[in-house]
PDB file of N, CA and C in Angstrom:
ATOM      1  N   MET A   1      67.526  73.948  87.233  1.00  0.00           N
ATOM      2  CA  MET A   1      67.130  74.452  88.546  1.00  0.00           C
ATOM      3  C   MET A   1      68.105  74.004  89.624  1.00  0.00           C
ATOM      4  N   THR A   2      68.489  72.739  89.604  1.00  0.00           N
ATOM      5  CA  THR A   2      69.409  72.252  90.635  1.00  0.00           C
ATOM      6  C   THR A   2      70.799  72.838  90.465  1.00  0.00           C
ATOM      7  N   GLU A   3      71.123  73.256  89.242  1.00  0.00           N
ATOM      8  CA  GLU A   3      72.437  73.874  89.018  1.00  0.00           C
ATOM      9  C   GLU A   3      72.531  75.212  89.750  1.00  0.00           C
ATOM     10  N   GLY A   4      71.434  75.974  89.776  1.00  0.00           N
ATOM     11  CA  GLY A   4      71.416  77.249  90.483  1.00  0.00           C
ATOM     12  C   GLY A   4      71.560  77.065  91.989  1.00  0.00           C
ATOM     13  N   ILE A   5      70.912  76.039  92.514  1.00  0.00           N
ATOM     14  CA  ILE A   5      71.031  75.759  93.944  1.00  0.00           C
ATOM     15  C   ILE A   5      72.460  75.346  94.283  1.00  0.00           C
ATOM     16  N   PHE A   6      73.061  74.534  93.413  1.00  0.00           N
ATOM     17  CA  PHE A   6      74.443  74.109  93.633  1.00  0.00           C
ATOM     18  C   PHE A   6      75.381  75.308  93.637  1.00  0.00           C
ATOM     19  N   LEU A   7      75.198  76.229  92.691  1.00  0.00           N
ATOM     20  CA  LEU A   7      76.052  77.416  92.630  1.00  0.00           C
ATOM     21  C   LEU A   7      75.853  78.309  93.855  1.00  0.00           C
ATOM     22  N   ALA A   8      74.628  78.421  94.328  1.00  0.00           N
ATOM     23  CA  ALA A   8      74.367  79.240  95.518  1.00  0.00           C
ATOM     24  C   ALA A   8      75.032  78.635  96.748  1.00  0.00           C
ATOM     25  N   LYS A   9      74.952  77.319  96.888  1.00  0.00           N
ATOM     26  CA  LYS A   9      75.611  76.675  98.033  1.00  0.00           C
ATOM     27  C   LYS A   9      77.128  76.787  97.929  1.00  0.00           C
ATOM     28  N   ALA A  10      77.659  76.644  96.715  1.00  0.00           N
ATOM     29  CA  ALA A  10      79.105  76.784  96.524  1.00  0.00           C
ATOM     30  C   ALA A  10      79.554  78.197  96.879  1.00  0.00           C
ATOM     31  N   ALA A  11      78.780  79.199  96.475  1.00  0.00           N
ATOM     32  CA  ALA A  11      79.110  80.583  96.808  1.00  0.00           C
ATOM     33  C   ALA A  11      79.045  80.813  98.318  1.00  0.00           C
ATOM     34  N   ALA A  12      78.071  80.176  98.985  1.00  0.00           N
ATOM     35  CA  ALA A  12      77.964  80.320 100.442  1.00  0.00           C
ATOM     36  C   ALA A  12      79.176  79.705 101.137  1.00  0.00           C
ATOM     37  N   TYR A  13      79.626  78.549 100.675  1.00  0.00           N
ATOM     38  CA  TYR A  13      80.800  77.914 101.276  1.00  0.00           C
ATOM     39  C   TYR A  13      82.063  78.749 101.041  1.00  0.00           C
ATOM     40  N   ILE A  14      82.205  79.282  99.849  1.00  0.00           N
ATOM     41  CA  ILE A  14      83.374  80.133  99.563  1.00  0.00           C
ATOM     42  C   ILE A  14      83.315  81.405 100.399  1.00  0.00           C
ATOM     43  N   GLY A  15      82.132  81.997 100.501  1.00  0.00           N
ATOM     44  CA  GLY A  15      81.980  83.196 101.326  1.00  0.00           C
ATOM     45  C   GLY A  15      82.265  82.930 102.791  1.00  0.00           C
ATOM     46  N   ALA A  16      81.835  81.764 103.273  1.00  0.00           N
ATOM     47  CA  ALA A  16      82.107  81.411 104.668  1.00  0.00           C
ATOM     48  C   ALA A  16      83.606  81.228 104.889  1.00  0.00           C
ATOM     49  N   GLY A  17      84.273  80.634 103.929  1.00  0.00           N
ATOM     50  CA  GLY A  17      85.727  80.472 104.043  1.00  0.00           C
ATOM     51  C   GLY A  17      86.442  81.809 104.096  1.00  0.00           C
ATOM     52  N   PHE A  18      86.016  82.749 103.251  1.00  0.00           N
ATOM     53  CA  PHE A  18      86.608  84.081 103.277  1.00  0.00           C
ATOM     54  C   PHE A  18      86.295  84.805 104.578  1.00  0.00           C
ATOM     55  N   ALA A  19      85.081  84.634 105.098  1.00  0.00           N
ATOM     56  CA  ALA A  19      84.698  85.292 106.351  1.00  0.00           C
ATOM     57  C   ALA A  19      85.573  84.822 107.501  1.00  0.00           C
ATOM     58  N   VAL A  20      85.832  83.526 107.561  1.00  0.00           N
ATOM     59  CA  VAL A  20      86.678  83.006 108.643  1.00  0.00           C
ATOM     60  C   VAL A  20      88.128  83.438 108.435  1.00  0.00           C
ATOM     61  N   ALA A  21      88.602  83.384 107.196  1.00  0.00           N
ATOM     62  CA  ALA A  21      89.999  83.745 106.928  1.00  0.00           C
ATOM     63  C   ALA A  21      90.271  85.211 107.244  1.00  0.00           C
ATOM     64  N   ILE A  22      89.445  86.076 106.732  1.00  0.00           N
ATOM     65  CA  ILE A  22      89.647  87.510 106.962  1.00  0.00           C
ATOM     66  C   ILE A  22      89.320  87.876 108.403  1.00  0.00           C
ATOM     67  N   GLY A  23      88.312  87.233 108.963  1.00  0.00           N
ATOM     68  CA  GLY A  23      87.939  87.513 110.345  1.00  0.00           C
ATOM     69  C   GLY A  23      88.930  86.993 111.359  1.00  0.00           C
ATOM     70  N   SER A  24      89.861  86.162 110.951  1.00  0.00           N
ATOM     71  CA  SER A  24      90.875  85.637 111.867  1.00  0.00           C
ATOM     72  C   SER A  24      92.192  86.397 111.794  1.00  0.00           C
ATOM     73  N   ILE A  25      92.412  87.138 110.734  1.00  0.00           N
ATOM     74  CA  ILE A  25      93.678  87.860 110.577  1.00  0.00           C
ATOM     75  C   ILE A  25      93.816  88.956 111.635  1.00  0.00           C
ATOM     76  N   GLY A  26      92.778  89.757 111.811  1.00  0.00           N
ATOM     77  CA  GLY A  26      92.831  90.851 112.782  1.00  0.00           C
ATOM     78  C   GLY A  26      93.054  90.384 114.213  1.00  0.00           C
ATOM     79  N   PRO A  27      92.262  89.425 114.687  1.00  0.00           N
ATOM     80  CA  PRO A  27      92.493  88.938 116.044  1.00  0.00           C
ATOM     81  C   PRO A  27      93.865  88.298 116.242  1.00  0.00           C
ATOM     82  N   ALA A  28      94.371  87.618 115.220  1.00  0.00           N
ATOM     83  CA  ALA A  28      95.701  87.016 115.353  1.00  0.00           C
ATOM     84  C   ALA A  28      96.770  88.089 115.505  1.00  0.00           C
ATOM     85  N   LEU A  29      96.683  89.133 114.709  1.00  0.00           N
ATOM     86  CA  LEU A  29      97.642  90.233 114.838  1.00  0.00           C
ATOM     87  C   LEU A  29      97.482  90.951 116.176  1.00  0.00           C
ATOM     88  N   GLY A  30      96.237  91.131 116.610  1.00  0.00           N
ATOM     89  CA  GLY A  30      95.987  91.782 117.894  1.00  0.00           C
ATOM     90  C   GLY A  30      96.531  90.987 119.062  1.00  0.00           C
ATOM     91  N   GLN A  31      96.359  89.677 119.035  1.00  0.00           N
ATOM     92  CA  GLN A  31      96.887  88.850 120.117  1.00  0.00           C
ATOM     93  C   GLN A  31      98.414  88.886 120.133  1.00  0.00           C
ATOM     94  N   GLY A  32      99.007  88.902 118.972  1.00  0.00           N
ATOM     95  CA  GLY A  32     100.467  88.998 118.921  1.00  0.00           C
ATOM     96  C   GLY A  32     100.970  90.302 119.518  1.00  0.00           C
ATOM     97  N   MET A  33     100.289  91.398 119.198  1.00  0.00           N
ATOM     98  CA  MET A  33     100.714  92.692 119.741  1.00  0.00           C
ATOM     99  C   MET A  33     100.495  92.770 121.248  1.00  0.00           C
ATOM    100  N   VAL A  34      99.375  92.225 121.725  1.00  0.00           N
ATOM    101  CA  VAL A  34      99.108  92.238 123.171  1.00  0.00           C
ATOM    102  C   VAL A  34     100.157  91.417 123.905  1.00  0.00           C
ATOM    103  N   GLY A  35     100.480  90.247 123.386  1.00  0.00           N
ATOM    104  CA  GLY A  35     101.501  89.404 124.016  1.00  0.00           C
ATOM    105  C   GLY A  35     102.864  90.069 124.035  1.00  0.00           C
ATOM    106  N   LYS A  36     103.218  90.716 122.924  1.00  0.00           N
ATOM    107  CA  LYS A  36     104.503  91.416 122.836  1.00  0.00           C
ATOM    108  C   LYS A  36     104.585  92.543 123.866  1.00  0.00           C
ATOM    109  N   GLN A  37     103.521  93.340 123.936  1.00  0.00           N
ATOM    110  CA  GLN A  37     103.527  94.459 124.873  1.00  0.00           C
ATOM    111  C   GLN A  37     103.524  93.983 126.322  1.00  0.00           C
ATOM    112  N   ALA A  38     102.834  92.887 126.596  1.00  0.00           N
ATOM    113  CA  ALA A  38     102.820  92.352 127.965  1.00  0.00           C
ATOM    114  C   ALA A  38     104.210  91.857 128.358  1.00  0.00           C
ATOM    115  N   CYS A  39     104.892  91.176 127.434  1.00  0.00           N
ATOM    116  CA  CYS A  39     106.253  90.717 127.736  1.00  0.00           C
ATOM    117  C   CYS A  39     107.195  91.882 127.981  1.00  0.00           C
ATOM    118  N   GLU A  40     107.056  92.938 127.184  1.00  0.00           N
ATOM    119  CA  GLU A  40     107.890  94.120 127.388  1.00  0.00           C
ATOM    120  C   GLU A  40     107.583  94.779 128.731  1.00  0.00           C
ATOM    121  N   ALA A  41     106.303  94.858 129.079  1.00  0.00           N
ATOM    122  CA  ALA A  41     105.917  95.486 130.343  1.00  0.00           C
ATOM    123  C   ALA A  41     106.421  94.679 131.533  1.00  0.00           C
ATOM    124  N   ILE A  42     106.357  93.354 131.447  1.00  0.00           N
ATOM    125  CA  ILE A  42     106.859  92.518 132.544  1.00  0.00           C
ATOM    126  C   ILE A  42     108.369  92.635 132.640  1.00  0.00           C
ATOM    127  N   GLY A  43     109.031  92.753 131.486  1.00  0.00           N
ATOM    128  CA  GLY A  43     110.486  92.928 131.505  1.00  0.00           C
ATOM    129  C   GLY A  43     110.901  94.239 132.152  1.00  0.00           C
ATOM    130  N   LYS A  44     110.127  95.288 131.950  1.00  0.00           N
ATOM    131  CA  LYS A  44     110.451  96.592 132.522  1.00  0.00           C
ATOM    132  C   LYS A  44     110.026  96.698 133.979  1.00  0.00           C
ATOM    133  N   ASN A  45     108.951  95.981 134.354  1.00  0.00           N
ATOM    134  CA  ASN A  45     108.418  96.091 135.707  1.00  0.00           C
ATOM    135  C   ASN A  45     108.049  94.695 136.223  1.00  0.00           C
ATOM    136  N   PRO A  46     109.025  93.926 136.684  1.00  0.00           N
ATOM    137  CA  PRO A  46     108.732  92.558 137.136  1.00  0.00           C
ATOM    138  C   PRO A  46     107.802  92.488 138.343  1.00  0.00           C
ATOM    139  N   GLU A  47     107.743  93.545 139.132  1.00  0.00           N
ATOM    140  CA  GLU A  47     106.865  93.525 140.305  1.00  0.00           C
ATOM    141  C   GLU A  47     105.395  93.563 139.916  1.00  0.00           C
ATOM    142  N   GLY A  48     105.094  94.074 138.750  1.00  0.00           N
ATOM    143  CA  GLY A  48     103.703  94.191 138.319  1.00  0.00           C
ATOM    144  C   GLY A  48     103.228  93.027 137.470  1.00  0.00           C
ATOM    145  N   THR A  49     103.900  91.887 137.582  1.00  0.00           N
ATOM    146  CA  THR A  49     103.582  90.738 136.726  1.00  0.00           C
ATOM    147  C   THR A  49     102.137  90.290 136.867  1.00  0.00           C
ATOM    148  N   GLY A  50     101.626  90.225 138.086  1.00  0.00           N
ATOM    149  CA  GLY A  50     100.263  89.745 138.309  1.00  0.00           C
ATOM    150  C   GLY A  50      99.216  90.617 137.637  1.00  0.00           C
ATOM    151  N   LYS A  51      99.335  91.943 137.821  1.00  0.00           N
ATOM    152  CA  LYS A  51      98.371  92.866 137.222  1.00  0.00           C
ATOM    153  C   LYS A  51      98.489  92.874 135.704  1.00  0.00           C
ATOM    154  N   ILE A  52      99.713  92.815 135.209  1.00  0.00           N
ATOM    155  CA  ILE A  52      99.916  92.809 133.759  1.00  0.00           C
ATOM    156  C   ILE A  52      99.338  91.540 133.151  1.00  0.00           C
ATOM    157  N   ARG A  53      99.574  90.404 133.802  1.00  0.00           N
ATOM    158  CA  ARG A  53      99.048  89.137 133.289  1.00  0.00           C
ATOM    159  C   ARG A  53      97.525  89.134 133.276  1.00  0.00           C
ATOM    160  N   LEU A  54      96.907  89.641 134.336  1.00  0.00           N
ATOM    161  CA  LEU A  54      95.447  89.687 134.408  1.00  0.00           C
ATOM    162  C   LEU A  54      94.886  90.569 133.288  1.00  0.00           C
ATOM    163  N   THR A  55      95.469  91.730 133.097  1.00  0.00           N
ATOM    164  CA  THR A  55      95.015  92.633 132.039  1.00  0.00           C
ATOM    165  C   THR A  55      95.217  92.007 130.666  1.00  0.00           C
ATOM    166  N   MET A  56      96.339  91.311 130.472  1.00  0.00           N
ATOM    167  CA  MET A  56      96.625  90.671 129.196  1.00  0.00           C
ATOM    168  C   MET A  56      95.594  89.574 128.899  1.00  0.00           C
ATOM    169  N   ILE A  57      95.272  88.760 129.891  1.00  0.00           N
ATOM    170  CA  ILE A  57      94.306  87.678 129.677  1.00  0.00           C
ATOM    171  C   ILE A  57      92.927  88.252 129.362  1.00  0.00           C
ATOM    172  N   LEU A  58      92.537  89.321 130.024  1.00  0.00           N
ATOM    173  CA  LEU A  58      91.261  89.965 129.743  1.00  0.00           C
ATOM    174  C   LEU A  58      91.231  90.521 128.318  1.00  0.00           C
ATOM    175  N   ALA A  59      92.313  91.177 127.912  1.00  0.00           N
ATOM    176  CA  ALA A  59      92.386  91.711 126.549  1.00  0.00           C
ATOM    177  C   ALA A  59      92.370  90.604 125.511  1.00  0.00           C
ATOM    178  N   MET A  60      93.072  89.511 125.796  1.00  0.00           N
ATOM    179  CA  MET A  60      93.088  88.381 124.855  1.00  0.00           C
ATOM    180  C   MET A  60      91.691  87.782 124.694  1.00  0.00           C
ATOM    181  N   SER A  61      90.929  87.729 125.780  1.00  0.00           N
ATOM    182  CA  SER A  61      89.583  87.156 125.661  1.00  0.00           C
ATOM    183  C   SER A  61      88.677  88.046 124.808  1.00  0.00           C
ATOM    184  N   PHE A  62      88.813  89.369 124.926  1.00  0.00           N
ATOM    185  CA  PHE A  62      88.026  90.262 124.082  1.00  0.00           C
ATOM    186  C   PHE A  62      88.440  90.144 122.618  1.00  0.00           C
ATOM    187  N   ILE A  63      89.729  90.011 122.371  1.00  0.00           N
ATOM    188  CA  ILE A  63      90.213  89.866 121.006  1.00  0.00           C
ATOM    189  C   ILE A  63      89.732  88.547 120.413  1.00  0.00           C
ATOM    190  N   GLU A  64      89.781  87.485 121.196  1.00  0.00           N
ATOM    191  CA  GLU A  64      89.369  86.171 120.697  1.00  0.00           C
ATOM    192  C   GLU A  64      87.879  86.140 120.373  1.00  0.00           C
ATOM    193  N   SER A  65      87.095  86.936 121.077  1.00  0.00           N
ATOM    194  CA  SER A  65      85.657  86.946 120.787  1.00  0.00           C
ATOM    195  C   SER A  65      85.384  87.453 119.371  1.00  0.00           C
ATOM    196  N   ALA A  66      86.223  88.326 118.838  1.00  0.00           N
ATOM    197  CA  ALA A  66      86.046  88.794 117.460  1.00  0.00           C
ATOM    198  C   ALA A  66      86.220  87.647 116.470  1.00  0.00           C
ATOM    199  N   ALA A  67      87.184  86.775 116.717  1.00  0.00           N
ATOM    200  CA  ALA A  67      87.382  85.621 115.838  1.00  0.00           C
ATOM    201  C   ALA A  67      86.221  84.645 115.960  1.00  0.00           C
ATOM    202  N   ILE A  68      85.684  84.494 117.153  1.00  0.00           N
ATOM    203  CA  ILE A  68      84.542  83.594 117.344  1.00  0.00           C
ATOM    204  C   ILE A  68      83.311  84.151 116.636  1.00  0.00           C
ATOM    205  N   TYR A  69      83.128  85.477 116.658  1.00  0.00           N
ATOM    206  CA  TYR A  69      82.011  86.076 115.931  1.00  0.00           C
ATOM    207  C   TYR A  69      82.130  85.805 114.440  1.00  0.00           C
ATOM    208  N   ALA A  70      83.331  85.890 113.891  1.00  0.00           N
ATOM    209  CA  ALA A  70      83.536  85.599 112.464  1.00  0.00           C
ATOM    210  C   ALA A  70      83.171  84.148 112.162  1.00  0.00           C
ATOM    211  N   LEU A  71      83.536  83.242 113.042  1.00  0.00           N
ATOM    212  CA  LEU A  71      83.191  81.837 112.842  1.00  0.00           C
ATOM    213  C   LEU A  71      81.679  81.629 112.907  1.00  0.00           C
ATOM    214  N   VAL A  72      81.028  82.277 113.839  1.00  0.00           N
ATOM    215  CA  VAL A  72      79.571  82.141 113.967  1.00  0.00           C
ATOM    216  C   VAL A  72      78.874  82.671 112.717  1.00  0.00           C
ATOM    217  N   ILE A  73      79.315  83.805 112.210  1.00  0.00           N
ATOM    218  CA  ILE A  73      78.722  84.370 110.996  1.00  0.00           C
ATOM    219  C   ILE A  73      78.923  83.422 109.821  1.00  0.00           C
ATOM    220  N   ALA A  74      80.106  82.823 109.719  1.00  0.00           N
ATOM    221  CA  ALA A  74      80.375  81.886 108.627  1.00  0.00           C
ATOM    222  C   ALA A  74      79.482  80.647 108.748  1.00  0.00           C
ATOM    223  N   LEU A  75      79.303  80.145 109.942  1.00  0.00           N
ATOM    224  CA  LEU A  75      78.446  78.978 110.123  1.00  0.00           C
ATOM    225  C   LEU A  75      76.976  79.311 109.819  1.00  0.00           C
ATOM    226  N   LEU A  76      76.538  80.501 110.204  1.00  0.00           N
ATOM    227  CA  LEU A  76      75.177  80.906 109.882  1.00  0.00           C
ATOM    228  C   LEU A  76      74.995  81.061 108.373  1.00  0.00           C
ATOM    229  N   LEU A  77      76.027  81.563 107.702  1.00  0.00           N
ATOM    230  CA  LEU A  77      75.963  81.713 106.253  1.00  0.00           C
ATOM    231  C   LEU A  77      75.789  80.355 105.576  1.00  0.00           C
ATOM    232  N   ILE A  78      76.505  79.357 106.065  1.00  0.00           N
ATOM    233  CA  ILE A  78      76.377  78.014 105.504  1.00  0.00           C
ATOM    234  C   ILE A  78      75.027  77.408 105.880  1.00  0.00           C
ATOM    235  N   PHE A  79      74.608  77.584 107.109  1.00  0.00           N
ATOM    236  CA  PHE A  79      73.376  76.953 107.590  1.00  0.00           C
ATOM    237  C   PHE A  79      72.143  77.467 106.852  1.00  0.00           C
ATOM    238  N   TYR A  80      72.101  78.782 106.599  1.00  0.00           N
ATOM    239  CA  TYR A  80      70.924  79.356 105.975  1.00  0.00           C
ATOM    240  C   TYR A  80      71.013  79.441 104.461  1.00  0.00           C
ATOM    241  N   SER A  81      72.025  78.848 103.844  1.00  0.00           N
ATOM    242  CA  SER A  81      72.108  78.892 102.379  1.00  0.00           C
ATOM    243  C   SER A  81      71.303  77.771 101.758  1.00  0.00           C
TER     244      SER A  81
END
């Protein structure tokens, strides 16, 4: 009986690890693309630096929330296993 519980907890930990790993790949790529495009936009239009920076920070916060959701789901998976 305890062997089944051990296997279920091990599966939950492995699943949580995969959830965080896969859930972090997309936001990392998205943040890289947003940063790249913001640098290009500032290079082409230096006068618009303030507006571009504000928009970039707002976009980065939305992207980062996706990674935080993946972490929360992984923690809930571990907590309720």
